[in-house]
Structure formats: structure tokens, C-alpha cells
PDB file of N, CA and C in Angstrom:
ATOM      1  N   UNK A   1     138.980  67.190 204.693  1.00  0.00           N
ATOM      2  CA  UNK A   1     139.573  68.353 205.337  1.00  0.00           C
ATOM      3  C   UNK A   1     139.874  69.395 204.258  1.00  0.00           C
ATOM      4  N   UNK A   2     139.499  70.648 204.505  1.00  0.00           N
ATOM      5  CA  UNK A   2     139.717  71.703 203.516  1.00  0.00           C
ATOM      6  C   UNK A   2     141.200  72.041 203.417  1.00  0.00           C
ATOM      7  N   UNK A   3     141.556  72.720 202.334  1.00  0.00           N
ATOM      8  CA  UNK A   3     142.947  73.137 202.152  1.00  0.00           C
ATOM      9  C   UNK A   3     143.406  74.045 203.287  1.00  0.00           C
ATOM     10  N   UNK A   4     142.507  74.892 203.767  1.00  0.00           N
ATOM     11  CA  UNK A   4     142.857  75.804 204.862  1.00  0.00           C
ATOM     12  C   UNK A   4     143.108  75.011 206.139  1.00  0.00           C
ATOM     13  N   UNK A   5     142.244  74.045 206.433  1.00  0.00           N
ATOM     14  CA  UNK A   5     142.440  73.203 207.615  1.00  0.00           C
ATOM     15  C   UNK A   5     143.727  72.401 207.494  1.00  0.00           C
ATOM     16  N   UNK A   6     143.968  71.875 206.301  1.00  0.00           N
ATOM     17  CA  UNK A   6     145.176  71.079 206.062  1.00  0.00           C
ATOM     18  C   UNK A   6     146.418  71.947 206.267  1.00  0.00           C
ATOM     19  N   UNK A   7     146.379  73.163 205.768  1.00  0.00           N
ATOM     20  CA  UNK A   7     147.527  74.054 205.928  1.00  0.00           C
ATOM     21  C   UNK A   7     147.714  74.445 207.392  1.00  0.00           C
ATOM     22  N   UNK A   8     146.645  74.705 208.108  1.00  0.00           N
ATOM     23  CA  UNK A   8     146.746  75.045 209.536  1.00  0.00           C
ATOM     24  C   UNK A   8     147.358  73.879 210.298  1.00  0.00           C
ATOM     25  N   UNK A   9     146.933  72.654 209.975  1.00  0.00           N
ATOM     26  CA  UNK A   9     147.516  71.481 210.626  1.00  0.00           C
ATOM     27  C   UNK A   9     149.006  71.374 210.302  1.00  0.00           C
ATOM     28  N   UNK A  10     149.374  71.583 209.033  1.00  0.00           N
ATOM     29  CA  UNK A  10     150.776  71.481 208.630  1.00  0.00           C
ATOM     30  C   UNK A  10     151.630  72.526 209.354  1.00  0.00           C
ATOM     31  N   UNK A  11     151.101  73.722 209.518  1.00  0.00           N
ATOM     32  CA  UNK A  11     151.832  74.765 210.252  1.00  0.00           C
ATOM     33  C   UNK A  11     152.053  74.318 211.692  1.00  0.00           C
ATOM     34  N   UNK A  12     151.043  73.732 212.299  1.00  0.00           N
ATOM     35  CA  UNK A  12     151.176  73.238 213.666  1.00  0.00           C
ATOM     36  C   UNK A  12     152.230  72.133 213.752  1.00  0.00           C
ATOM     37  N   UNK A  13     152.202  71.201 212.805  1.00  0.00           N
ATOM     38  CA  UNK A  13     153.174  70.104 212.802  1.00  0.00           C
ATOM     39  C   UNK A  13     154.590  70.632 212.579  1.00  0.00           C
ATOM     40  N   UNK A  14     154.735  71.545 211.636  1.00  0.00           N
ATOM     41  CA  UNK A  14     156.066  72.107 211.375  1.00  0.00           C
ATOM     42  C   UNK A  14     156.550  72.925 212.563  1.00  0.00           C
ATOM     43  N   UNK A  15     155.646  73.635 213.224  1.00  0.00           N
ATOM     44  CA  UNK A  15     156.004  74.387 214.424  1.00  0.00           C
ATOM     45  C   UNK A  15     156.499  73.447 215.518  1.00  0.00           C
ATOM     46  N   UNK A  16     155.846  72.296 215.652  1.00  0.00           N
ATOM     47  CA  UNK A  16     156.275  71.319 216.659  1.00  0.00           C
ATOM     48  C   UNK A  16     157.688  70.829 216.359  1.00  0.00           C
ATOM     49  N   UNK A  17     158.011  70.673 215.089  1.00  0.00           N
ATOM     50  CA  UNK A  17     159.338  70.184 214.703  1.00  0.00           C
ATOM     51  C   UNK A  17     160.398  71.287 214.673  1.00  0.00           C
ATOM     52  N   UNK A  18     159.968  72.541 214.780  1.00  0.00           N
ATOM     53  CA  UNK A  18     160.885  73.672 214.680  1.00  0.00           C
ATOM     54  C   UNK A  18     161.569  73.977 216.008  1.00  0.00           C
ATOM     55  N   UNK A  19     161.870  72.947 216.753  1.00  0.00           N
ATOM     56  CA  UNK A  19     162.582  73.076 218.024  1.00  0.00           C
ATOM     57  C   UNK A  19     163.601  71.946 218.073  1.00  0.00           C
ATOM     58  N   UNK A  20     164.805  72.277 218.439  1.00  0.00           N
ATOM     59  CA  UNK A  20     165.903  71.313 218.396  1.00  0.00           C
ATOM     60  C   UNK A  20     165.583  70.025 219.155  1.00  0.00           C
ATOM     61  N   UNK A  21     165.089  70.148 220.370  1.00  0.00           N
ATOM     62  CA  UNK A  21     164.796  68.958 221.176  1.00  0.00           C
ATOM     63  C   UNK A  21     163.680  68.140 220.555  1.00  0.00           C
ATOM     64  N   UNK A  22     162.590  68.804 220.142  1.00  0.00           N
ATOM     65  CA  UNK A  22     161.464  68.055 219.577  1.00  0.00           C
ATOM     66  C   UNK A  22     161.827  67.388 218.263  1.00  0.00           C
ATOM     67  N   UNK A  23     162.612  68.049 217.435  1.00  0.00           N
ATOM     68  CA  UNK A  23     163.051  67.421 216.188  1.00  0.00           C
ATOM     69  C   UNK A  23     163.907  66.196 216.487  1.00  0.00           C
ATOM     70  N   UNK A  24     164.803  66.303 217.447  1.00  0.00           N
ATOM     71  CA  UNK A  24     165.641  65.163 217.835  1.00  0.00           C
ATOM     72  C   UNK A  24     164.790  64.015 218.376  1.00  0.00           C
ATOM     73  N   UNK A  25     163.798  64.345 219.197  1.00  0.00           N
ATOM     74  CA  UNK A  25     162.928  63.317 219.769  1.00  0.00           C
ATOM     75  C   UNK A  25     162.100  62.659 218.675  1.00  0.00           C
ATOM     76  N   UNK A  26     161.555  63.445 217.764  1.00  0.00           N
ATOM     77  CA  UNK A  26     160.770  62.872 216.676  1.00  0.00           C
ATOM     78  C   UNK A  26     161.624  61.906 215.851  1.00  0.00           C
ATOM     79  N   UNK A  27     162.833  62.311 215.530  1.00  0.00           N
ATOM     80  CA  UNK A  27     163.722  61.425 214.765  1.00  0.00           C
ATOM     81  C   UNK A  27     164.060  60.174 215.573  1.00  0.00           C
ATOM     82  N   UNK A  28     164.235  60.332 216.875  1.00  0.00           N
ATOM     83  CA  UNK A  28     164.511  59.195 217.755  1.00  0.00           C
ATOM     84  C   UNK A  28     163.346  58.206 217.721  1.00  0.00           C
ATOM     85  N   UNK A  29     162.120  58.739 217.762  1.00  0.00           N
ATOM     86  CA  UNK A  29     160.935  57.882 217.729  1.00  0.00           C
ATOM     87  C   UNK A  29     160.781  57.187 216.377  1.00  0.00           C
ATOM     88  N   UNK A  30     161.072  57.893 215.310  1.00  0.00           N
ATOM     89  CA  UNK A  30     161.008  57.284 213.976  1.00  0.00           C
ATOM     90  C   UNK A  30     162.009  56.146 213.895  1.00  0.00           C
ATOM     91  N   UNK A  31     163.209  56.368 214.395  1.00  0.00           N
ATOM     92  CA  UNK A  31     164.253  55.329 214.366  1.00  0.00           C
ATOM     93  C   UNK A  31     163.893  54.147 215.256  1.00  0.00           C
ATOM     94  N   UNK A  32     163.164  54.396 216.333  1.00  0.00           N
ATOM     95  CA  UNK A  32     162.795  53.320 217.265  1.00  0.00           C
ATOM     96  C   UNK A  32     161.770  52.381 216.654  1.00  0.00           C
ATOM     97  N   UNK A  33     161.037  52.855 215.659  1.00  0.00           N
ATOM     98  CA  UNK A  33     160.054  52.006 215.003  1.00  0.00           C
ATOM     99  C   UNK A  33     158.773  51.893 215.804  1.00  0.00           C
ATOM    100  N   UNK A  34     157.916  50.934 215.425  1.00  0.00           N
ATOM    101  CA  UNK A  34     156.602  50.802 216.054  1.00  0.00           C
ATOM    102  C   UNK A  34     156.641  50.505 217.549  1.00  0.00           C
ATOM    103  N   UNK A  35     157.728  49.948 218.046  1.00  0.00           N
ATOM    104  CA  UNK A  35     157.833  49.657 219.478  1.00  0.00           C
ATOM    105  C   UNK A  35     157.914  50.936 220.291  1.00  0.00           C
ATOM    106  N   UNK A  36     158.497  51.971 219.717  1.00  0.00           N
ATOM    107  CA  UNK A  36     158.631  53.239 220.413  1.00  0.00           C
ATOM    108  C   UNK A  36     159.603  53.173 221.579  1.00  0.00           C
ATOM    109  N   UNK A  37     159.517  54.161 222.426  1.00  0.00           N
ATOM    110  CA  UNK A  37     160.408  54.277 223.584  1.00  0.00           C
ATOM    111  C   UNK A  37     159.607  54.738 224.799  1.00  0.00           C
ATOM    112  N   UNK A  38     160.103  54.408 225.957  1.00  0.00           N
ATOM    113  CA  UNK A  38     159.513  54.852 227.219  1.00  0.00           C
ATOM    114  C   UNK A  38     159.941  56.307 227.463  1.00  0.00           C
ATOM    115  N   UNK A  39     159.028  57.094 228.013  1.00  0.00           N
ATOM    116  CA  UNK A  39     159.271  58.522 228.233  1.00  0.00           C
ATOM    117  C   UNK A  39     160.592  58.786 228.957  1.00  0.00           C
ATOM    118  N   UNK A  40     160.871  58.036 230.002  1.00  0.00           N
ATOM    119  CA  UNK A  40     162.106  58.245 230.759  1.00  0.00           C
ATOM    120  C   UNK A  40     163.354  58.003 229.925  1.00  0.00           C
ATOM    121  N   UNK A  41     163.294  57.003 229.063  1.00  0.00           N
ATOM    122  CA  UNK A  41     164.436  56.714 228.192  1.00  0.00           C
ATOM    123  C   UNK A  41     164.630  57.836 227.177  1.00  0.00           C
ATOM    124  N   UNK A  42     163.534  58.372 226.665  1.00  0.00           N
ATOM    125  CA  UNK A  42     163.625  59.488 225.721  1.00  0.00           C
ATOM    126  C   UNK A  42     164.294  60.678 226.401  1.00  0.00           C
ATOM    127  N   UNK A  43     163.850  61.004 227.614  1.00  0.00           N
ATOM    128  CA  UNK A  43     164.423  62.130 228.356  1.00  0.00           C
ATOM    129  C   UNK A  43     165.910  61.906 228.615  1.00  0.00           C
ATOM    130  N   UNK A  44     166.263  60.681 228.982  1.00  0.00           N
ATOM    131  CA  UNK A  44     167.663  60.372 229.259  1.00  0.00           C
ATOM    132  C   UNK A  44     168.514  60.498 227.994  1.00  0.00           C
ATOM    133  N   UNK A  45     168.042  59.928 226.903  1.00  0.00           N
ATOM    134  CA  UNK A  45     168.803  60.004 225.640  1.00  0.00           C
ATOM    135  C   UNK A  45     168.966  61.438 225.158  1.00  0.00           C
ATOM    136  N   UNK A  46     167.927  62.243 225.373  1.00  0.00           N
ATOM    137  CA  UNK A  46     167.971  63.635 224.918  1.00  0.00           C
ATOM    138  C   UNK A  46     168.643  64.554 225.922  1.00  0.00           C
ATOM    139  N   UNK A  47     168.977  64.014 227.104  1.00  0.00           N
ATOM    140  CA  UNK A  47     169.600  64.786 228.179  1.00  0.00           C
ATOM    141  C   UNK A  47     168.742  65.997 228.556  1.00  0.00           C
ATOM    142  N   UNK A  48     167.454  65.695 228.781  1.00  0.00           N
ATOM    143  CA  UNK A  48     166.474  66.717 229.132  1.00  0.00           C
ATOM    144  C   UNK A  48     165.729  66.236 230.379  1.00  0.00           C
ATOM    145  N   UNK A  49     165.461  67.116 231.341  1.00  0.00           N
ATOM    146  CA  UNK A  49     164.706  66.697 232.524  1.00  0.00           C
ATOM    147  C   UNK A  49     163.343  66.112 232.136  1.00  0.00           C
ATOM    148  N   UNK A  50     162.892  65.090 232.851  1.00  0.00           N
ATOM    149  CA  UNK A  50     161.614  64.446 232.513  1.00  0.00           C
ATOM    150  C   UNK A  50     160.426  65.405 232.415  1.00  0.00           C
ATOM    151  N   UNK A  51     160.348  66.389 233.298  1.00  0.00           N
ATOM    152  CA  UNK A  51     159.214  67.317 233.236  1.00  0.00           C
ATOM    153  C   UNK A  51     159.243  68.151 231.958  1.00  0.00           C
ATOM    154  N   UNK A  52     160.419  68.557 231.553  1.00  0.00           N
ATOM    155  CA  UNK A  52     160.560  69.312 230.308  1.00  0.00           C
ATOM    156  C   UNK A  52     160.252  68.413 229.118  1.00  0.00           C
ATOM    157  N   UNK A  53     160.706  67.167 229.190  1.00  0.00           N
ATOM    158  CA  UNK A  53     160.458  66.237 228.095  1.00  0.00           C
ATOM    159  C   UNK A  53     158.964  65.974 227.944  1.00  0.00           C
ATOM    160  N   UNK A  54     158.237  65.896 229.038  1.00  0.00           N
ATOM    161  CA  UNK A  54     156.787  65.696 228.970  1.00  0.00           C
ATOM    162  C   UNK A  54     156.131  66.799 228.153  1.00  0.00           C
ATOM    163  N   UNK A  55     156.590  68.017 228.358  1.00  0.00           N
ATOM    164  CA  UNK A  55     156.076  69.165 227.607  1.00  0.00           C
ATOM    165  C   UNK A  55     156.336  68.980 226.111  1.00  0.00           C
ATOM    166  N   UNK A  56     157.557  68.611 225.749  1.00  0.00           N
ATOM    167  CA  UNK A  56     157.912  68.428 224.338  1.00  0.00           C
ATOM    168  C   UNK A  56     157.122  67.274 223.713  1.00  0.00           C
ATOM    169  N   UNK A  57     156.974  66.190 224.441  1.00  0.00           N
ATOM    170  CA  UNK A  57     156.232  65.042 223.929  1.00  0.00           C
ATOM    171  C   UNK A  57     154.756  65.382 223.727  1.00  0.00           C
ATOM    172  N   UNK A  58     154.200  66.182 224.622  1.00  0.00           N
ATOM    173  CA  UNK A  58     152.797  66.598 224.485  1.00  0.00           C
ATOM    174  C   UNK A  58     152.605  67.453 223.236  1.00  0.00           C
ATOM    175  N   UNK A  59     153.559  68.308 222.944  1.00  0.00           N
ATOM    176  CA  UNK A  59     153.469  69.151 221.742  1.00  0.00           C
ATOM    177  C   UNK A  59     153.509  68.286 220.487  1.00  0.00           C
ATOM    178  N   UNK A  60     154.405  67.306 220.457  1.00  0.00           N
ATOM    179  CA  UNK A  60     154.476  66.408 219.301  1.00  0.00           C
ATOM    180  C   UNK A  60     153.188  65.608 219.145  1.00  0.00           C
ATOM    181  N   UNK A  61     152.618  65.197 220.258  1.00  0.00           N
ATOM    182  CA  UNK A  61     151.379  64.412 220.195  1.00  0.00           C
ATOM    183  C   UNK A  61     150.207  65.277 219.718  1.00  0.00           C
ATOM    184  N   UNK A  62     150.090  66.495 220.238  1.00  0.00           N
ATOM    185  CA  UNK A  62     149.009  67.390 219.799  1.00  0.00           C
ATOM    186  C   UNK A  62     149.138  67.727 218.315  1.00  0.00           C
ATOM    187  N   UNK A  63     150.369  67.753 217.817  1.00  0.00           N
ATOM    188  CA  UNK A  63     150.599  68.065 216.402  1.00  0.00           C
ATOM    189  C   UNK A  63     150.347  66.860 215.495  1.00  0.00           C
ATOM    190  N   UNK A  64     150.054  65.711 216.080  1.00  0.00           N
ATOM    191  CA  UNK A  64     149.779  64.526 215.283  1.00  0.00           C
ATOM    192  C   UNK A  64     151.019  63.823 214.775  1.00  0.00           C
ATOM    193  N   UNK A  65     152.147  64.035 215.452  1.00  0.00           N
ATOM    194  CA  UNK A  65     153.405  63.429 215.014  1.00  0.00           C
ATOM    195  C   UNK A  65     153.876  62.305 215.933  1.00  0.00           C
ATOM    196  N   UNK A  66     153.224  62.136 217.081  1.00  0.00           N
ATOM    197  CA  UNK A  66     153.565  61.026 217.966  1.00  0.00           C
ATOM    198  C   UNK A  66     152.296  60.540 218.647  1.00  0.00           C
ATOM    199  N   UNK A  67     152.395  59.355 219.214  1.00  0.00           N
ATOM    200  CA  UNK A  67     151.291  58.749 219.948  1.00  0.00           C
ATOM    201  C   UNK A  67     151.846  58.222 221.263  1.00  0.00           C
ATOM    202  N   UNK A  68     150.990  58.196 222.269  1.00  0.00           N
ATOM    203  CA  UNK A  68     151.415  57.649 223.556  1.00  0.00           C
ATOM    204  C   UNK A  68     150.459  56.556 223.991  1.00  0.00           C
ATOM    205  N   UNK A  69     150.988  55.674 224.800  1.00  0.00           N
ATOM    206  CA  UNK A  69     150.181  54.594 225.347  1.00  0.00           C
ATOM    207  C   UNK A  69     150.696  54.285 226.746  1.00  0.00           C
ATOM    208  N   UNK A  70     149.794  54.354 227.713  1.00  0.00           N
ATOM    209  CA  UNK A  70     150.173  54.075 229.096  1.00  0.00           C
ATOM    210  C   UNK A  70     150.145  52.576 229.333  1.00  0.00           C
ATOM    211  N   UNK A  71     151.201  52.085 229.939  1.00  0.00           N
ATOM    212  CA  UNK A  71     151.288  50.690 230.364  1.00  0.00           C
ATOM    213  C   UNK A  71     151.707  50.699 231.825  1.00  0.00           C
ATOM    214  N   UNK A  72     150.736  50.547 232.698  1.00  0.00           N
ATOM    215  CA  UNK A  72     150.958  50.626 234.128  1.00  0.00           C
ATOM    216  C   UNK A  72     151.487  52.021 234.453  1.00  0.00           C
ATOM    217  N   UNK A  73     152.697  52.097 234.994  1.00  0.00           N
ATOM    218  CA  UNK A  73     153.277  53.406 235.338  1.00  0.00           C
ATOM    219  C   UNK A  73     154.111  53.994 234.224  1.00  0.00           C
ATOM    220  N   UNK A  74     154.318  53.251 233.160  1.00  0.00           N
ATOM    221  CA  UNK A  74     155.173  53.706 232.064  1.00  0.00           C
ATOM    222  C   UNK A  74     154.331  54.242 230.909  1.00  0.00           C
ATOM    223  N   UNK A  75     154.872  55.232 230.222  1.00  0.00           N
ATOM    224  CA  UNK A  75     154.215  55.744 229.023  1.00  0.00           C
ATOM    225  C   UNK A  75     155.149  55.494 227.846  1.00  0.00           C
ATOM    226  N   UNK A  76     154.642  54.737 226.884  1.00  0.00           N
ATOM    227  CA  UNK A  76     155.390  54.476 225.653  1.00  0.00           C
ATOM    228  C   UNK A  76     155.001  55.522 224.620  1.00  0.00           C
ATOM    229  N   UNK A  77     155.996  56.069 223.946  1.00  0.00           N
ATOM    230  CA  UNK A  77     155.759  57.010 222.853  1.00  0.00           C
ATOM    231  C   UNK A  77     156.284  56.388 221.582  1.00  0.00           C
ATOM    232  N   UNK A  78     155.560  56.613 220.512  1.00  0.00           N
ATOM    233  CA  UNK A  78     156.007  56.151 219.200  1.00  0.00           C
ATOM    234  C   UNK A  78     155.659  57.222 218.178  1.00  0.00           C
ATOM    235  N   UNK A  79     156.396  57.211 217.084  1.00  0.00           N
ATOM    236  CA  UNK A  79     156.102  58.149 216.010  1.00  0.00           C
ATOM    237  C   UNK A  79     154.732  57.818 215.432  1.00  0.00           C
ATOM    238  N   UNK A  80     154.004  58.824 215.049  1.00  0.00           N
ATOM    239  CA  UNK A  80     152.732  58.623 214.353  1.00  0.00           C
ATOM    240  C   UNK A  80     153.063  58.658 212.863  1.00  0.00           C
ATOM    241  N   UNK A  81     153.233  57.481 212.286  1.00  0.00           N
ATOM    242  CA  UNK A  81     153.652  57.391 210.885  1.00  0.00           C
ATOM    243  C   UNK A  81     152.591  57.924 209.940  1.00  0.00           C
ATOM    244  N   UNK A  82     151.313  57.808 210.310  1.00  0.00           N
ATOM    245  CA  UNK A  82     150.266  58.396 209.471  1.00  0.00           C
ATOM    246  C   UNK A  82     150.403  59.916 209.461  1.00  0.00           C
ATOM    247  N   UNK A  83     150.680  60.502 210.618  1.00  0.00           N
ATOM    248  CA  UNK A  83     150.887  61.944 210.692  1.00  0.00           C
ATOM    249  C   UNK A  83     152.109  62.380 209.905  1.00  0.00           C
ATOM    250  N   UNK A  84     153.171  61.587 209.985  1.00  0.00           N
ATOM    251  CA  UNK A  84     154.387  61.903 209.228  1.00  0.00           C
ATOM    252  C   UNK A  84     154.096  61.839 207.725  1.00  0.00           C
ATOM    253  N   UNK A  85     153.373  60.784 207.287  1.00  0.00           N
ATOM    254  CA  UNK A  85     153.023  60.665 205.867  1.00  0.00           C
ATOM    255  C   UNK A  85     152.130  61.819 205.431  1.00  0.00           C
ATOM    256  N   UNK A  86     151.213  62.200 206.303  1.00  0.00           N
ATOM    257  CA  UNK A  86     150.316  63.309 205.990  1.00  0.00           C
ATOM    258  C   UNK A  86     151.099  64.606 205.787  1.00  0.00           C
ATOM    259  N   UNK A  87     152.065  64.853 206.651  1.00  0.00           N
ATOM    260  CA  UNK A  87     152.876  66.063 206.519  1.00  0.00           C
ATOM    261  C   UNK A  87     153.730  66.009 205.260  1.00  0.00           C
ATOM    262  N   UNK A  88     154.367  64.877 205.015  1.00  0.00           N
ATOM    263  CA  UNK A  88     155.197  64.744 203.811  1.00  0.00           C
ATOM    264  C   UNK A  88     154.342  64.900 202.551  1.00  0.00           C
ATOM    265  N   UNK A  89     153.158  64.314 202.571  1.00  0.00           N
ATOM    266  CA  UNK A  89     152.253  64.427 201.429  1.00  0.00           C
ATOM    267  C   UNK A  89     151.847  65.880 201.204  1.00  0.00           C
ATOM    268  N   UNK A  90     151.527  66.583 202.298  1.00  0.00           N
ATOM    269  CA  UNK A  90     151.162  67.996 202.180  1.00  0.00           C
ATOM    270  C   UNK A  90     152.293  68.795 201.551  1.00  0.00           C
ATOM    271  N   UNK A  91     153.515  68.547 202.013  1.00  0.00           N
ATOM    272  CA  UNK A  91     154.657  69.295 201.499  1.00  0.00           C
ATOM    273  C   UNK A  91     154.959  68.981 200.043  1.00  0.00           C
ATOM    274  N   UNK A  92     154.634  67.768 199.619  1.00  0.00           N
ATOM    275  CA  UNK A  92     154.985  67.333 198.268  1.00  0.00           C
ATOM    276  C   UNK A  92     153.827  67.394 197.281  1.00  0.00           C
ATOM    277  N   UNK A  93     152.609  67.702 197.723  1.00  0.00           N
ATOM    278  CA  UNK A  93     151.442  67.577 196.852  1.00  0.00           C
ATOM    279  C   UNK A  93     151.513  68.432 195.597  1.00  0.00           C
ATOM    280  N   UNK A  94     152.168  69.551 195.632  1.00  0.00           N
ATOM    281  CA  UNK A  94     152.245  70.417 194.452  1.00  0.00           C
ATOM    282  C   UNK A  94     153.584  70.324 193.749  1.00  0.00           C
ATOM    283  N   UNK A  95     154.396  69.362 194.181  1.00  0.00           N
ATOM    284  CA  UNK A  95     155.737  69.214 193.608  1.00  0.00           C
ATOM    285  C   UNK A  95     155.673  68.775 192.153  1.00  0.00           C
ATOM    286  N   UNK A  96     156.600  69.199 191.414  1.00  0.00           N
ATOM    287  CA  UNK A  96     156.883  68.700 190.067  1.00  0.00           C
ATOM    288  C   UNK A  96     155.994  69.257 188.969  1.00  0.00           C
ATOM    289  N   UNK A  97     154.911  69.914 189.285  1.00  0.00           N
ATOM    290  CA  UNK A  97     154.014  70.464 188.274  1.00  0.00           C
ATOM    291  C   UNK A  97     153.715  69.450 187.170  1.00  0.00           C
ATOM    292  N   UNK A  98     153.555  68.199 187.563  1.00  0.00           N
ATOM    293  CA  UNK A  98     153.266  67.146 186.597  1.00  0.00           C
ATOM    294  C   UNK A  98     154.486  66.581 185.907  1.00  0.00           C
ATOM    295  N   UNK A  99     155.664  67.110 186.225  1.00  0.00           N
ATOM    296  CA  UNK A  99     156.905  66.631 185.606  1.00  0.00           C
ATOM    297  C   UNK A  99     157.797  66.044 186.696  1.00  0.00           C
ATOM    298  N   UNK A 100     157.818  64.707 186.851  1.00  0.00           N
ATOM    299  CA  UNK A 100     158.587  64.081 187.929  1.00  0.00           C
ATOM    300  C   UNK A 100     160.081  64.395 187.889  1.00  0.00           C
ATOM    301  N   UNK A 101     160.591  64.812 186.753  1.00  0.00           N
ATOM    302  CA  UNK A 101     162.022  65.124 186.666  1.00  0.00           C
ATOM    303  C   UNK A 101     162.384  66.371 187.468  1.00  0.00           C
ATOM    304  N   UNK A 102     161.399  67.266 187.670  1.00  0.00           N
ATOM    305  CA  UNK A 102     161.668  68.476 188.447  1.00  0.00           C
ATOM    306  C   UNK A 102     162.030  68.157 189.893  1.00  0.00           C
ATOM    307  N   UNK A 103     161.408  67.131 190.439  1.00  0.00           N
ATOM    308  CA  UNK A 103     161.663  66.763 191.836  1.00  0.00           C
ATOM    309  C   UNK A 103     162.779  65.736 191.960  1.00  0.00           C
ATOM    310  N   UNK A 104     163.261  65.264 190.844  1.00  0.00           N
ATOM    311  CA  UNK A 104     164.413  64.371 190.851  1.00  0.00           C
ATOM    312  C   UNK A 104     164.239  63.171 191.746  1.00  0.00           C
ATOM    313  N   UNK A 105     165.178  62.981 192.629  1.00  0.00           N
ATOM    314  CA  UNK A 105     165.223  61.760 193.448  1.00  0.00           C
ATOM    315  C   UNK A 105     164.652  61.955 194.861  1.00  0.00           C
ATOM    316  N   UNK A 106     163.706  62.866 195.046  1.00  0.00           N
ATOM    317  CA  UNK A 106     163.151  63.096 196.383  1.00  0.00           C
ATOM    318  C   UNK A 106     162.542  61.825 196.983  1.00  0.00           C
ATOM    319  N   UNK A 107     161.856  61.053 196.171  1.00  0.00           N
ATOM    320  CA  UNK A 107     161.262  59.815 196.688  1.00  0.00           C
ATOM    321  C   UNK A 107     162.341  58.852 197.144  1.00  0.00           C
ATOM    322  N   UNK A 108     163.440  58.791 196.415  1.00  0.00           N
ATOM    323  CA  UNK A 108     164.541  57.900 196.806  1.00  0.00           C
ATOM    324  C   UNK A 108     165.200  58.380 198.093  1.00  0.00           C
ATOM    325  N   UNK A 109     165.334  59.688 198.266  1.00  0.00           N
ATOM    326  CA  UNK A 109     165.958  60.231 199.468  1.00  0.00           C
ATOM    327  C   UNK A 109     165.187  59.834 200.715  1.00  0.00           C
ATOM    328  N   UNK A 110     163.878  59.717 200.595  1.00  0.00           N
ATOM    329  CA  UNK A 110     163.032  59.352 201.734  1.00  0.00           C
ATOM    330  C   UNK A 110     162.875  57.847 201.887  1.00  0.00           C
ATOM    331  N   UNK A 111     163.467  57.098 201.007  1.00  0.00           N
ATOM    332  CA  UNK A 111     163.304  55.652 201.013  1.00  0.00           C
ATOM    333  C   UNK A 111     163.939  55.024 202.242  1.00  0.00           C
ATOM    334  N   UNK A 112     163.283  53.993 202.745  1.00  0.00           N
ATOM    335  CA  UNK A 112     163.818  53.262 203.900  1.00  0.00           C
ATOM    336  C   UNK A 112     164.910  52.282 203.478  1.00  0.00           C
ATOM    337  N   UNK A 113     165.134  52.156 202.222  1.00  0.00           N
ATOM    338  CA  UNK A 113     166.099  51.158 201.714  1.00  0.00           C
ATOM    339  C   UNK A 113     167.444  51.774 201.366  1.00  0.00           C
ATOM    340  N   UNK A 114     167.824  52.834 202.054  1.00  0.00           N
ATOM    341  CA  UNK A 114     169.111  53.469 201.754  1.00  0.00           C
ATOM    342  C   UNK A 114     170.245  52.612 202.243  1.00  0.00           C
TER     343      UNK A 114
END
């Protein structure tokens, strides 16, 4: 993927996260782990009508930040960890100018072992 394509994708992903509800939902999905959550539960936790939540979930999915899977009548959503890593990598790729001390403890801040 070219730098221009990568940047266009990153803008789309950041735009998807630049909304209070979608950012909250994305964080909720990350916290839920690989099992994810059912669409109705996400809407209930976020206190958003299901139809509105469907719109937000579709935006996150198109941006490559979530995935859905239909199981009978239920739709499970989970964070797309590859998409999250891709976005974090894009944001950090030029960090530090070859000097890790410039970025300090950024890797530790993102660590799952806090």
C-alpha cells in the first residue's frame, strides 16, 4: 500500500474515532476482547438506540477498526486488532527520528500489562 493510500486509510480510521459514541464503542470492543459483544448489548451499554448504533458500528467496520459476525439473529462485533495495530503503527512510524529516548515510554503506555 502506498504512503498516500496508507494516509487516506488513517484519516478514515481517525475520522471514525472522532465521534464520542464511536470512540466509546471502540474502547468497549477492545476491552471485551476477542469474544466481542452483541450489537444490542453495545447499544444498551452506550445508551444509544439500536438503529443509531448500527450506523456507528458500520462506520467503525468500514474504517477497519471492528469486525462483525452474524450468528443466527444476533450480530457479534469485535475490535479489529490488526486494524488498531495498523493505525498505531502509522501514527508511530516516524516517531523518535531514530532516537528512542525522544518517544520515552510510549510503548509502555500502550502495554497490556499495566
